[in-house]
C-alpha atoms as a PDB file:
ATOM      1  CA  UNK A   1     -18.759  14.754   5.994  1.00  0.00           C
ATOM      2  CA  UNK A   2     -15.753  15.870   7.265  1.00  0.00           C
ATOM      3  CA  UNK A   3     -12.936  15.924   4.783  1.00  0.00           C
ATOM      4  CA  UNK A   4     -10.448  12.919   5.080  1.00  0.00           C
ATOM      5  CA  UNK A   5      -7.921  12.424   2.480  1.00  0.00           C
ATOM      6  CA  UNK A   6      -5.178  13.931   4.578  1.00  0.00           C
ATOM      7  CA  UNK A   7      -2.715  11.195   4.868  1.00  0.00           C
ATOM      8  CA  UNK A   8      -4.372   8.359   2.964  1.00  0.00           C
ATOM      9  CA  UNK A   9      -3.419   7.784  -1.397  1.00  0.00           C
ATOM     10  CA  UNK A  10      -5.587   5.617  -3.680  1.00  0.00           C
ATOM     11  CA  UNK A  11      -3.453   4.042  -5.850  1.00  0.00           C
ATOM     12  CA  UNK A  12      -4.729   2.625  -9.263  1.00  0.00           C
ATOM     13  CA  UNK A  13      -2.262  -0.037 -10.718  1.00  0.00           C
ATOM     14  CA  UNK A  14      -3.081  -0.762 -14.745  1.00  0.00           C
ATOM     15  CA  UNK A  15      -6.419   0.615 -14.628  1.00  0.00           C
ATOM     16  CA  UNK A  16      -7.164  -0.299 -17.699  1.00  0.00           C
ATOM     17  CA  UNK A  17     -10.722   1.739 -18.762  1.00  0.00           C
ATOM     18  CA  UNK A  18     -10.433   5.559 -17.774  1.00  0.00           C
ATOM     19  CA  UNK A  19     -13.937   5.609 -17.399  1.00  0.00           C
ATOM     20  CA  UNK A  20     -13.375   3.884 -14.162  1.00  0.00           C
ATOM     21  CA  UNK A  21     -10.256   6.021 -13.191  1.00  0.00           C
ATOM     22  CA  UNK A  22     -13.549   8.914 -13.625  1.00  0.00           C
ATOM     23  CA  UNK A  23     -15.632   7.079 -11.365  1.00  0.00           C
ATOM     24  CA  UNK A  24     -13.277   6.157  -9.116  1.00  0.00           C
ATOM     25  CA  UNK A  25     -12.522   9.619  -9.037  1.00  0.00           C
ATOM     26  CA  UNK A  26     -15.590  10.617  -8.280  1.00  0.00           C
ATOM     27  CA  UNK A  27     -16.153   8.834  -5.186  1.00  0.00           C
ATOM     28  CA  UNK A  28     -12.805   9.954  -3.782  1.00  0.00           C
ATOM     29  CA  UNK A  29     -14.270  12.848  -3.521  1.00  0.00           C
ATOM     30  CA  UNK A  30     -17.277  11.995  -3.113  1.00  0.00           C
ATOM     31  CA  UNK A  31     -15.851  10.869   0.771  1.00  0.00           C
ATOM     32  CA  UNK A  32     -13.195  13.438   0.684  1.00  0.00           C
ATOM     33  CA  UNK A  33     -10.092  12.438  -0.654  1.00  0.00           C
ATOM     34  CA  UNK A  34      -8.052  13.613  -3.218  1.00  0.00           C
ATOM     35  CA  UNK A  35      -4.548  11.972  -3.605  1.00  0.00           C
ATOM     36  CA  UNK A  36      -4.316   9.486  -6.430  1.00  0.00           C
ATOM     37  CA  UNK A  37      -2.103   8.061  -7.868  1.00  0.00           C
ATOM     38  CA  UNK A  38      -2.551   5.807 -11.550  1.00  0.00           C
ATOM     39  CA  UNK A  39       0.899   3.027 -11.838  1.00  0.00           C
ATOM     40  CA  UNK A  40       0.848   2.776 -15.529  1.00  0.00           C
ATOM     41  CA  UNK A  41      -2.751   3.357 -16.989  1.00  0.00           C
ATOM     42  CA  UNK A  42      -3.775   1.816 -19.792  1.00  0.00           C
ATOM     43  CA  UNK A  43      -4.720   4.205 -23.298  1.00  0.00           C
ATOM     44  CA  UNK A  44      -7.030   6.022 -23.776  1.00  0.00           C
ATOM     45  CA  UNK A  45      -5.538   9.024 -22.346  1.00  0.00           C
ATOM     46  CA  UNK A  46      -6.414   8.485 -18.680  1.00  0.00           C
ATOM     47  CA  UNK A  47      -6.761  12.458 -17.752  1.00  0.00           C
ATOM     48  CA  UNK A  48     -10.003  12.435 -19.869  1.00  0.00           C
ATOM     49  CA  UNK A  49     -12.582  10.246 -17.924  1.00  0.00           C
ATOM     50  CA  UNK A  50     -16.139  12.011 -18.767  1.00  0.00           C
ATOM     51  CA  UNK A  51     -17.308   9.962 -15.514  1.00  0.00           C
ATOM     52  CA  UNK A  52     -15.514  12.107 -13.351  1.00  0.00           C
ATOM     53  CA  UNK A  53     -18.566  14.510 -13.159  1.00  0.00           C
ATOM     54  CA  UNK A  54     -17.673  16.631  -9.591  1.00  0.00           C
ATOM     55  CA  UNK A  55     -14.149  15.565  -9.281  1.00  0.00           C
ATOM     56  CA  UNK A  56     -12.064  17.020 -11.558  1.00  0.00           C
ATOM     57  CA  UNK A  57      -9.675  18.639  -8.985  1.00  0.00           C
ATOM     58  CA  UNK A  58      -8.462  14.762  -8.309  1.00  0.00           C
ATOM     59  CA  UNK A  59      -8.454  13.638 -11.943  1.00  0.00           C
ATOM     60  CA  UNK A  60      -6.290  17.298 -12.201  1.00  0.00           C
ATOM     61  CA  UNK A  61      -3.657  16.568  -9.474  1.00  0.00           C
ATOM     62  CA  UNK A  62      -3.526  12.635  -9.853  1.00  0.00           C
ATOM     63  CA  UNK A  63       0.236  11.164 -10.813  1.00  0.00           C
ATOM     64  CA  UNK A  64       0.439   8.731 -13.049  1.00  0.00           C
ATOM     65  CA  UNK A  65       4.276   6.604 -12.359  1.00  0.00           C
ATOM     66  CA  UNK A  66       5.917   4.187 -14.105  1.00  0.00           C
ATOM     67  CA  UNK A  67       5.874   1.465 -11.426  1.00  0.00           C
ATOM     68  CA  UNK A  68       4.999   0.357  -7.510  1.00  0.00           C
ATOM     69  CA  UNK A  69       7.076   1.652  -6.040  1.00  0.00           C
ATOM     70  CA  UNK A  70       7.630   5.140  -6.819  1.00  0.00           C
ATOM     71  CA  UNK A  71       3.324   5.082  -6.158  1.00  0.00           C
ATOM     72  CA  UNK A  72       3.873   3.519  -2.763  1.00  0.00           C
ATOM     73  CA  UNK A  73       7.583   5.220  -1.525  1.00  0.00           C
ATOM     74  CA  UNK A  74       6.021   7.432   0.955  1.00  0.00           C
ATOM     75  CA  UNK A  75       3.871   5.457   2.585  1.00  0.00           C
ATOM     76  CA  UNK A  76       4.802   4.310   5.823  1.00  0.00           C
ATOM     77  CA  UNK A  77       1.483   1.368   5.598  1.00  0.00           C
ATOM     78  CA  UNK A  78       0.373  -0.038   2.390  1.00  0.00           C
ATOM     79  CA  UNK A  79      -2.881  -1.912   2.106  1.00  0.00           C
ATOM     80  CA  UNK A  80      -3.896  -4.144  -1.021  1.00  0.00           C
ATOM     81  CA  UNK A  81      -7.710  -5.032  -1.740  1.00  0.00           C
ATOM     82  CA  UNK A  82      -8.529  -8.386  -3.385  1.00  0.00           C
ATOM     83  CA  UNK A  83     -11.545 -11.113  -3.570  1.00  0.00           C
ATOM     84  CA  UNK A  84      -8.027 -13.729  -2.986  1.00  0.00           C
ATOM     85  CA  UNK A  85     -10.014 -15.942  -5.993  1.00  0.00           C
ATOM     86  CA  UNK A  86      -6.859 -17.625  -7.046  1.00  0.00           C
ATOM     87  CA  UNK A  87      -4.373 -16.350  -5.547  1.00  0.00           C
ATOM     88  CA  UNK A  88      -1.709 -18.106  -2.862  1.00  0.00           C
ATOM     89  CA  UNK A  89      -1.541 -15.370  -0.073  1.00  0.00           C
ATOM     90  CA  UNK A  90       1.244 -14.808   2.687  1.00  0.00           C
ATOM     91  CA  UNK A  91      -0.766 -13.721   5.206  1.00  0.00           C
ATOM     92  CA  UNK A  92      -4.307 -13.024   6.554  1.00  0.00           C
ATOM     93  CA  UNK A  93      -7.325 -11.800   3.998  1.00  0.00           C
ATOM     94  CA  UNK A  94      -9.415  -8.748   6.491  1.00  0.00           C
ATOM     95  CA  UNK A  95     -13.500  -8.301   5.313  1.00  0.00           C
ATOM     96  CA  UNK A  96     -13.308  -4.121   4.450  1.00  0.00           C
ATOM     97  CA  UNK A  97     -16.451  -4.254   7.585  1.00  0.00           C
ATOM     98  CA  UNK A  98     -13.288  -5.539  10.355  1.00  0.00           C
ATOM     99  CA  UNK A  99     -11.042  -2.559   9.178  1.00  0.00           C
ATOM    100  CA  UNK A 100     -11.604  -0.206  12.116  1.00  0.00           C
ATOM    101  CA  UNK A 101     -11.284  -3.118  14.387  1.00  0.00           C
ATOM    102  CA  UNK A 102      -8.431  -4.051  13.246  1.00  0.00           C
ATOM    103  CA  UNK A 103      -6.393  -0.911  13.672  1.00  0.00           C
ATOM    104  CA  UNK A 104      -7.321  -0.544  17.044  1.00  0.00           C
ATOM    105  CA  UNK A 105      -5.874  -4.316  17.693  1.00  0.00           C
ATOM    106  CA  UNK A 106      -2.896  -2.980  16.082  1.00  0.00           C
ATOM    107  CA  UNK A 107      -2.023   0.006  17.241  1.00  0.00           C
ATOM    108  CA  UNK A 108       1.758   0.385  15.471  1.00  0.00           C
ATOM    109  CA  UNK A 109      -0.353   0.638  12.489  1.00  0.00           C
ATOM    110  CA  UNK A 110      -2.965   2.803  13.061  1.00  0.00           C
ATOM    111  CA  UNK A 111       0.039   5.011  14.365  1.00  0.00           C
ATOM    112  CA  UNK A 112       1.063   5.084  11.098  1.00  0.00           C
ATOM    113  CA  UNK A 113       0.955   8.251   8.961  1.00  0.00           C
ATOM    114  CA  UNK A 114       1.149  10.676  11.401  1.00  0.00           C
ATOM    115  CA  UNK A 115       4.631  12.867  12.831  1.00  0.00           C
ATOM    116  CA  UNK A 116       6.198  11.093  15.519  1.00  0.00           C
ATOM    117  CA  UNK A 117       7.919  13.979  18.109  1.00  0.00           C
ATOM    118  CA  UNK A 118      11.384  14.788  16.547  1.00  0.00           C
ATOM    119  CA  UNK A 119      10.651  13.534  13.110  1.00  0.00           C
ATOM    120  CA  UNK A 120      10.427  16.004  10.212  1.00  0.00           C
ATOM    121  CA  UNK A 121       7.824  14.325   7.499  1.00  0.00           C
ATOM    122  CA  UNK A 122       5.015  11.323   8.346  1.00  0.00           C
ATOM    123  CA  UNK A 123       4.465   8.578   5.506  1.00  0.00           C
ATOM    124  CA  UNK A 124       0.771   7.916   4.585  1.00  0.00           C
ATOM    125  CA  UNK A 125      -1.569   5.053   4.252  1.00  0.00           C
ATOM    126  CA  UNK A 126      -1.861   3.704   0.663  1.00  0.00           C
ATOM    127  CA  UNK A 127      -4.627   1.411  -0.736  1.00  0.00           C
ATOM    128  CA  UNK A 128      -4.016  -0.423  -3.697  1.00  0.00           C
ATOM    129  CA  UNK A 129      -6.476  -1.580  -6.457  1.00  0.00           C
ATOM    130  CA  UNK A 130      -5.757  -3.759  -9.677  1.00  0.00           C
ATOM    131  CA  UNK A 131      -7.098  -3.866 -12.584  1.00  0.00           C
ATOM    132  CA  UNK A 132     -10.327  -4.247 -13.751  1.00  0.00           C
ATOM    133  CA  UNK A 133      -8.877  -7.893 -15.180  1.00  0.00           C
ATOM    134  CA  UNK A 134      -6.687  -9.525 -13.396  1.00  0.00           C
ATOM    135  CA  UNK A 135      -6.478  -7.379  -9.845  1.00  0.00           C
ATOM    136  CA  UNK A 136      -3.077  -7.557  -8.192  1.00  0.00           C
ATOM    137  CA  UNK A 137      -0.613  -9.396  -8.920  1.00  0.00           C
ATOM    138  CA  UNK A 138       1.530 -11.718  -6.235  1.00  0.00           C
ATOM    139  CA  UNK A 139       4.041  -9.278  -6.930  1.00  0.00           C
ATOM    140  CA  UNK A 140       1.774  -6.291  -5.868  1.00  0.00           C
ATOM    141  CA  UNK A 141       0.075  -7.858  -3.458  1.00  0.00           C
ATOM    142  CA  UNK A 142       4.432  -8.850  -2.091  1.00  0.00           C
ATOM    143  CA  UNK A 143       4.449  -4.314  -1.336  1.00  0.00           C
ATOM    144  CA  UNK A 144       0.794  -5.030   1.068  1.00  0.00           C
ATOM    145  CA  UNK A 145       1.572  -5.283   4.947  1.00  0.00           C
ATOM    146  CA  UNK A 146      -2.333  -5.922   4.945  1.00  0.00           C
ATOM    147  CA  UNK A 147      -5.112  -7.753   2.573  1.00  0.00           C
ATOM    148  CA  UNK A 148      -8.312  -6.634   2.622  1.00  0.00           C
ATOM    149  CA  UNK A 149     -11.433  -7.731   0.344  1.00  0.00           C
ATOM    150  CA  UNK A 150     -14.866  -6.368   0.613  1.00  0.00           C
ATOM    151  CA  UNK A 151     -17.452  -9.108   2.214  1.00  0.00           C
ATOM    152  CA  UNK A 152     -19.252  -9.895  -2.200  1.00  0.00           C
ATOM    153  CA  UNK A 153     -20.529 -13.121  -2.257  1.00  0.00           C
ATOM    154  CA  UNK A 154     -18.748 -16.291  -3.685  1.00  0.00           C
ATOM    155  CA  UNK A 155     -20.772 -16.426  -6.869  1.00  0.00           C
ATOM    156  CA  UNK A 156     -19.856 -12.862  -8.273  1.00  0.00           C
ATOM    157  CA  UNK A 157     -16.498 -11.553  -6.090  1.00  0.00           C
ATOM    158  CA  UNK A 158     -15.570  -8.925  -8.400  1.00  0.00           C
ATOM    159  CA  UNK A 159     -16.017  -5.476  -8.149  1.00  0.00           C
ATOM    160  CA  UNK A 160     -16.031  -3.187 -10.971  1.00  0.00           C
ATOM    161  CA  UNK A 161     -12.900  -0.522  -9.626  1.00  0.00           C
ATOM    162  CA  UNK A 162     -15.320   2.389  -9.756  1.00  0.00           C
ATOM    163  CA  UNK A 163     -17.365   0.848  -7.219  1.00  0.00           C
ATOM    164  CA  UNK A 164     -14.502  -1.112  -5.323  1.00  0.00           C
ATOM    165  CA  UNK A 165     -13.192   2.442  -4.446  1.00  0.00           C
ATOM    166  CA  UNK A 166     -16.597   4.193  -3.789  1.00  0.00           C
ATOM    167  CA  UNK A 167     -17.006   1.518  -1.174  1.00  0.00           C
ATOM    168  CA  UNK A 168     -13.581   1.724   0.179  1.00  0.00           C
ATOM    169  CA  UNK A 169     -14.374   4.791   0.348  1.00  0.00           C
ATOM    170  CA  UNK A 170     -16.810   5.408   2.639  1.00  0.00           C
ATOM    171  CA  UNK A 171     -15.557   2.893   4.979  1.00  0.00           C
ATOM    172  CA  UNK A 172     -12.584   4.830   5.272  1.00  0.00           C
ATOM    173  CA  UNK A 173     -14.400   7.772   6.068  1.00  0.00           C
ATOM    174  CA  UNK A 174     -16.768   6.749   8.333  1.00  0.00           C
ATOM    175  CA  UNK A 175     -14.327   4.451  10.813  1.00  0.00           C
ATOM    176  CA  UNK A 176     -10.888   6.226  10.663  1.00  0.00           C
ATOM    177  CA  UNK A 177      -8.470   4.740  12.235  1.00  0.00           C
ATOM    178  CA  UNK A 178      -8.361   5.356  15.924  1.00  0.00           C
ATOM    179  CA  UNK A 179      -4.833   7.357  17.486  1.00  0.00           C
ATOM    180  CA  UNK A 180      -2.880   4.687  19.285  1.00  0.00           C
ATOM    181  CA  UNK A 181      -3.251   4.300  23.093  1.00  0.00           C
ATOM    182  CA  UNK A 182      -1.557   6.274  25.745  1.00  0.00           C
ATOM    183  CA  UNK A 183       0.643   3.061  26.242  1.00  0.00           C
ATOM    184  CA  UNK A 184       2.297   3.163  23.075  1.00  0.00           C
ATOM    185  CA  UNK A 185       5.484   4.896  23.320  1.00  0.00           C
ATOM    186  CA  UNK A 186       4.602   8.080  22.580  1.00  0.00           C
ATOM    187  CA  UNK A 187       8.098   9.298  21.054  1.00  0.00           C
ATOM    188  CA  UNK A 188       9.093   6.569  19.699  1.00  0.00           C
ATOM    189  CA  UNK A 189      10.705   6.713  15.991  1.00  0.00           C
ATOM    190  CA  UNK A 190       7.723   7.005  13.095  1.00  0.00           C
ATOM    191  CA  UNK A 191       7.182   3.571  10.622  1.00  0.00           C
ATOM    192  CA  UNK A 192       9.463   3.470   8.286  1.00  0.00           C
ATOM    193  CA  UNK A 193       8.219   4.687   4.552  1.00  0.00           C
ATOM    194  CA  UNK A 194       8.091   1.931   1.974  1.00  0.00           C
ATOM    195  CA  UNK A 195      11.227   3.026  -0.436  1.00  0.00           C
ATOM    196  CA  UNK A 196      13.082   2.902   3.313  1.00  0.00           C
ATOM    197  CA  UNK A 197      11.911  -0.656   3.230  1.00  0.00           C
ATOM    198  CA  UNK A 198      13.210  -1.962   0.088  1.00  0.00           C
ATOM    199  CA  UNK A 199      16.795  -0.329   0.428  1.00  0.00           C
ATOM    200  CA  UNK A 200      17.083  -2.634   3.464  1.00  0.00           C
ATOM    201  CA  UNK A 201      15.009  -5.196   0.664  1.00  0.00           C
ATOM    202  CA  UNK A 202      17.684  -4.864  -1.814  1.00  0.00           C
ATOM    203  CA  UNK A 203      20.967  -4.570   0.310  1.00  0.00           C
ATOM    204  CA  UNK A 204      19.713  -8.276   2.222  1.00  0.00           C
ATOM    205  CA  UNK A 205      19.167  -9.114  -1.562  1.00  0.00           C
ATOM    206  CA  UNK A 206      22.319  -8.987  -2.929  1.00  0.00           C
ATOM    207  CA  UNK A 207      24.058 -10.506   0.640  1.00  0.00           C
ATOM    208  CA  UNK A 208      21.881 -14.005   0.168  1.00  0.00           C
ATOM    209  CA  UNK A 209      23.175 -13.493  -3.863  1.00  0.00           C
ATOM    210  CA  UNK A 210      26.693 -13.436  -2.545  1.00  0.00           C
ATOM    211  CA  UNK A 211      26.029 -16.051  -0.163  1.00  0.00           C
ATOM    212  CA  UNK A 212      24.309 -18.578  -3.235  1.00  0.00           C
ATOM    213  CA  UNK A 213      21.067 -19.024  -0.869  1.00  0.00           C
ATOM    214  CA  UNK A 214      18.886 -17.342  -3.876  1.00  0.00           C
ATOM    215  CA  UNK A 215      18.420 -20.319  -6.394  1.00  0.00           C
ATOM    216  CA  UNK A 216      17.581 -19.920  -9.861  1.00  0.00           C
ATOM    217  CA  UNK A 217      14.684 -21.950  -9.963  1.00  0.00           C
ATOM    218  CA  UNK A 218      12.395 -20.229  -6.522  1.00  0.00           C
ATOM    219  CA  UNK A 219      14.313 -16.976  -6.545  1.00  0.00           C
ATOM    220  CA  UNK A 220      11.042 -14.828  -7.632  1.00  0.00           C
ATOM    221  CA  UNK A 221       9.001 -16.805  -5.424  1.00  0.00           C
ATOM    222  CA  UNK A 222      12.056 -16.720  -1.904  1.00  0.00           C
ATOM    223  CA  UNK A 223      12.359 -12.461  -2.800  1.00  0.00           C
ATOM    224  CA  UNK A 224       7.941 -12.604  -2.349  1.00  0.00           C
ATOM    225  CA  UNK A 225       8.228 -14.258   1.244  1.00  0.00           C
ATOM    226  CA  UNK A 226      11.652 -12.102   2.107  1.00  0.00           C
ATOM    227  CA  UNK A 227       9.671  -8.686   1.251  1.00  0.00           C
ATOM    228  CA  UNK A 228       6.125 -10.132   2.961  1.00  0.00           C
ATOM    229  CA  UNK A 229       8.447 -11.125   6.025  1.00  0.00           C
ATOM    230  CA  UNK A 230      10.319  -7.574   6.261  1.00  0.00           C
ATOM    231  CA  UNK A 231       6.743  -5.945   6.487  1.00  0.00           C
ATOM    232  CA  UNK A 232       5.819  -8.153   8.759  1.00  0.00           C
ATOM    233  CA  UNK A 233       8.588  -7.230  11.159  1.00  0.00           C
ATOM    234  CA  UNK A 234       6.454  -3.208  11.012  1.00  0.00           C
ATOM    235  CA  UNK A 235       9.986  -1.398  11.798  1.00  0.00           C
ATOM    236  CA  UNK A 236      10.775   1.723  12.400  1.00  0.00           C
ATOM    237  CA  UNK A 237      13.052   4.458  11.223  1.00  0.00           C
ATOM    238  CA  UNK A 238      15.069   3.718  13.719  1.00  0.00           C
ATOM    239  CA  UNK A 239      15.423  -0.114  13.091  1.00  0.00           C
ATOM    240  CA  UNK A 240      15.969   0.725   9.373  1.00  0.00           C
ATOM    241  CA  UNK A 241      18.855   2.535  10.004  1.00  0.00           C
ATOM    242  CA  UNK A 242      20.224   0.362  12.342  1.00  0.00           C
ATOM    243  CA  UNK A 243      19.156  -2.699  10.439  1.00  0.00           C
ATOM    244  CA  UNK A 244      20.445  -1.099   6.970  1.00  0.00           C
ATOM    245  CA  UNK A 245      23.836  -0.304   9.190  1.00  0.00           C
ATOM    246  CA  UNK A 246      24.561  -3.691   9.544  1.00  0.00           C
ATOM    247  CA  UNK A 247      23.639  -5.035   5.958  1.00  0.00           C
ATOM    248  CA  UNK A 248      26.151  -2.795   4.855  1.00  0.00           C
ATOM    249  CA  UNK A 249      28.877  -3.553   7.056  1.00  0.00           C
ATOM    250  CA  UNK A 250      28.529  -7.461   6.988  1.00  0.00           C
ATOM    251  CA  UNK A 251      27.878  -6.946   2.123  1.00  0.00           C
ATOM    252  CA  UNK A 252      31.541  -4.635   3.269  1.00  0.00           C
ATOM    253  CA  UNK A 253      33.318  -7.633   4.807  1.00  0.00           C
ATOM    254  CA  UNK A 254      32.032 -10.380   2.304  1.00  0.00           C
ATOM    255  CA  UNK A 255      32.030  -8.927  -1.491  1.00  0.00           C
ATOM    256  CA  UNK A 256      34.420  -9.834  -3.435  1.00  0.00           C
END
């Protein structure tokens, strides 16, 4: 199978078992993916995973980071994986087999990860997998542009982490997102990466605090909804520059 990993990152959030991490790395290698980031992995040392036969290079090049934003900051599009059980989701839960079709229906999303003319850097697609015990939290899901589920049966919805990564990598490898149609603005600014969106988000939060909008009891839930709203806008780099400038001016004017 042709190498498929360019522009795609697999992110394991708080994975608990190094054997599962090794199995995930092997699944990535099977389908041509090699960009692995592990967020706050549990002991024992995850790099000692023995099940990564044939995927030693994936494990050696993998990065361990302390927080999710560090893992996805340069990504322009983030997918979260979840069964949807016991979660209040802020967006539609997409069955994995429909992912390629969904990308075709959302050309701006399909364009993410591709460099636009005149721009020096391109983003990437990051796919998040939660811990074996709890999955992704609502806060983790708030960083996702879309949520995807593997269509398991209701009686046994949860999958082993390595198996889930294998199924997802297979689907990505066989149904790569298609290039945007010719009608898309070819010279449009590239989609904004997550670290740029987070800067705008943090500035908006400071403004809302100054205005007294955020209440202590509902603050956490409101911030999750605000981040979801920001992602739904599908802002480009140019959009973020303009919005960031507007928010900066407002903050300067009203700050005590």
